Structure formats: C-alpha cells, structure tokens
Amino acid sequence: MHDRREEPRAEAELEVHYRTPQEFLAAYSRNISGGGIFIRTQQPLPLNQKVLLRFTLPGVDHRFEVRGVVVWANAASVRSSFPAGMGIKFLEFDASQQQKITDFIKQSRSTGPAAEQKP
C-alpha cells in the first residue's frame, strides 16, 4: 500500500487541547508531523471544522498554539482496523514552530523504539 504522507512523522502520545467555536476538548495524539497531528478520539469532529490546538512536545521548551482544520476523520467501528480519531492539518504555522516540530520528529525517529533495540 502506498503511503500518501508528504512529511515524516513521529509516534507521539501528547495531551492535546483543542477548541472549536462551540467547545473546548482534550484528547491524546497518536503521531505528529510538520504538517499535522492525529488525535485519538471516539467522537471526531466533522470534516473542515477549524480548531485551535494547544500542546507541548517532550523535551521541547515551548507551548504550541496552532490553528488547524480537520482533514479526515474515522469514527469508532468494529469493522475498521483504523483507530478512531481525526487528522488535523496545521494552518498559520510560523517558521520557528515548524522547525521545533521538525527537530522533535528527527530526534524521535533517531531514538525511537526501533533505534533502542539491543542485540
């Protein structure tokens, strides 16, 4: 199966707070890339819903506040092997925040579970 992802991503279980015009919610991520984040939730928001995301990355002294939009959602289903949740594409991202996420992903991929295996 061809991977359509444009950017490398890192597995990251982060607490993510997100706000819509109607509510303020919190959930955990599954992974992150320079272009977006996957949030695990049994009740994903509708497509094209704009959100304001707030999160921190382990080892990064910065609190991210990024606007995003729901670009895909997967409702909980016993018939699907995909986890319930939603993909959020980052919008209005400044270069310093982008670089911090890129650096985090590079670091995570070089020290992740595959890199930690011992002979």
Protein backbone atom coordinates (compact mmCIF):
# COMPACT_ATOMS: atom_id res chain seq x y z
CA MET A 1 0.00 0.00 0.00
CA HIS A 2 1.38 3.42 -0.97
CA ASP A 3 1.89 5.91 1.87
CA ARG A 4 0.44 9.28 0.80
CA ARG A 5 2.04 11.19 3.66
CA GLU A 6 4.17 14.07 2.45
CA GLU A 7 6.21 14.53 5.62
CA PRO A 8 7.91 12.22 8.08
CA ARG A 9 6.07 11.71 11.31
CA ALA A 10 6.86 10.52 14.79
CA GLU A 11 4.80 8.41 17.14
CA ALA A 12 3.91 10.77 19.98
CA GLU A 13 1.34 10.40 22.72
CA LEU A 14 0.74 14.03 23.64
CA GLU A 15 -2.10 15.60 25.53
CA VAL A 16 -3.72 17.96 23.03
CA HIS A 17 -6.28 20.59 23.98
CA TYR A 18 -8.42 21.80 21.13
CA ARG A 19 -11.07 24.46 20.85
CA THR A 20 -13.88 24.89 18.38
CA PRO A 21 -16.30 27.83 18.35
CA GLN A 22 -18.68 25.63 20.39
CA GLU A 23 -16.47 23.74 22.88
CA PHE A 24 -13.10 23.09 24.47
CA LEU A 25 -11.87 19.46 24.41
CA ALA A 26 -8.82 17.40 25.28
CA ALA A 27 -7.52 14.10 23.89
CA TYR A 28 -4.25 12.34 23.12
CA SER A 29 -2.34 12.28 19.88
CA ARG A 30 -1.04 9.18 18.16
CA ASN A 31 1.52 10.83 15.90
CA ILE A 32 2.69 14.20 14.63
CA SER A 33 4.36 15.57 11.51
CA GLY A 34 5.41 19.01 10.36
CA GLY A 35 2.07 19.29 8.58
CA GLY A 36 -0.38 17.97 11.14
CA ILE A 37 -1.34 15.70 14.00
CA PHE A 38 -3.56 12.66 14.53
CA ILE A 39 -5.80 12.92 17.59
CA ARG A 40 -7.34 9.78 19.05
CA THR A 41 -10.99 10.30 19.92
CA GLN A 42 -14.16 8.25 19.83
CA GLN A 43 -16.03 11.37 18.65
CA PRO A 44 -14.08 13.04 15.85
CA LEU A 45 -15.13 16.48 14.70
CA PRO A 46 -16.68 16.97 11.26
CA LEU A 47 -14.50 17.48 8.21
CA ASN A 48 -13.40 21.08 7.60
CA GLN A 49 -14.01 22.01 11.26
CA LYS A 50 -11.44 24.60 12.27
CA VAL A 51 -9.77 24.20 15.65
CA LEU A 52 -7.21 25.89 17.84
CA LEU A 53 -4.70 23.32 19.14
CA ARG A 54 -2.55 23.64 22.26
CA PHE A 55 0.15 21.11 23.14
CA THR A 56 3.74 20.66 24.23
CA LEU A 57 6.36 18.23 22.96
CA PRO A 58 8.55 16.20 25.33
CA GLY A 59 11.95 17.82 25.72
CA VAL A 60 10.88 21.00 23.90
CA ASP A 61 10.59 24.15 25.99
CA HIS A 62 7.73 25.66 24.00
CA ARG A 63 3.94 25.63 24.27
CA PHE A 64 2.46 25.28 20.79
CA GLU A 65 -0.71 27.12 19.89
CA VAL A 66 -1.61 26.34 16.30
CA ARG A 67 -4.73 26.75 14.18
CA GLY A 68 -5.77 23.66 12.26
CA VAL A 69 -8.54 22.06 10.26
CA VAL A 70 -9.95 18.53 10.32
CA VAL A 71 -8.93 16.92 7.03
CA TRP A 72 -10.05 13.36 7.76
CA ALA A 73 -11.96 11.54 10.48
CA ASN A 74 -12.54 7.93 11.39
CA ALA A 75 -15.43 7.16 13.72
CA ALA A 76 -15.12 4.18 16.07
CA SER A 77 -16.19 1.00 14.30
CA VAL A 78 -15.70 -2.72 14.88
CA ARG A 79 -15.42 -3.13 11.10
CA SER A 80 -12.45 -0.81 10.71
CA SER A 81 -8.84 -1.59 11.55
CA PHE A 82 -8.04 2.12 11.68
CA PRO A 83 -8.11 3.77 15.11
CA ALA A 84 -10.91 6.18 15.93
CA GLY A 85 -9.82 9.77 15.64
CA MET A 86 -9.12 12.63 13.29
CA GLY A 87 -6.31 14.07 11.25
CA ILE A 88 -5.71 17.77 11.78
CA LYS A 89 -3.76 19.79 9.22
CA PHE A 90 -1.82 22.68 10.72
CA LEU A 91 -2.65 26.18 9.44
CA GLU A 92 -0.99 29.55 10.11
CA PHE A 93 2.25 27.98 11.27
CA ASP A 94 5.26 30.20 11.90
CA ALA A 95 8.73 29.05 10.85
CA SER A 96 10.12 28.72 14.39
CA GLN A 97 7.26 26.40 15.46
CA GLN A 98 7.68 24.39 12.26
CA GLN A 99 11.40 23.97 12.96
CA LYS A 100 10.79 22.87 16.56
CA ILE A 101 8.40 20.14 15.37
CA THR A 102 10.79 19.06 12.58
CA ASP A 103 13.65 18.81 15.10
CA PHE A 104 11.44 16.82 17.51
CA ILE A 105 10.48 14.37 14.74
CA LYS A 106 14.11 13.88 13.67
CA GLN A 107 15.14 13.28 17.27
CA SER A 108 12.22 10.89 17.91
CA ARG A 109 12.93 8.87 14.79
CA SER A 110 16.60 8.50 15.66
CA THR A 111 15.92 7.44 19.27
CA GLY A 112 12.54 5.71 18.82
CA PRO A 113 11.74 2.05 19.62
CA ALA A 114 13.50 0.70 16.52
CA ALA A 115 16.66 2.60 17.38
CA GLU A 116 16.56 1.38 21.01
CA GLN A 117 16.64 -2.35 20.21
CA LYS A 118 19.68 -4.05 21.68
CA PRO A 119 21.47 -7.08 20.23
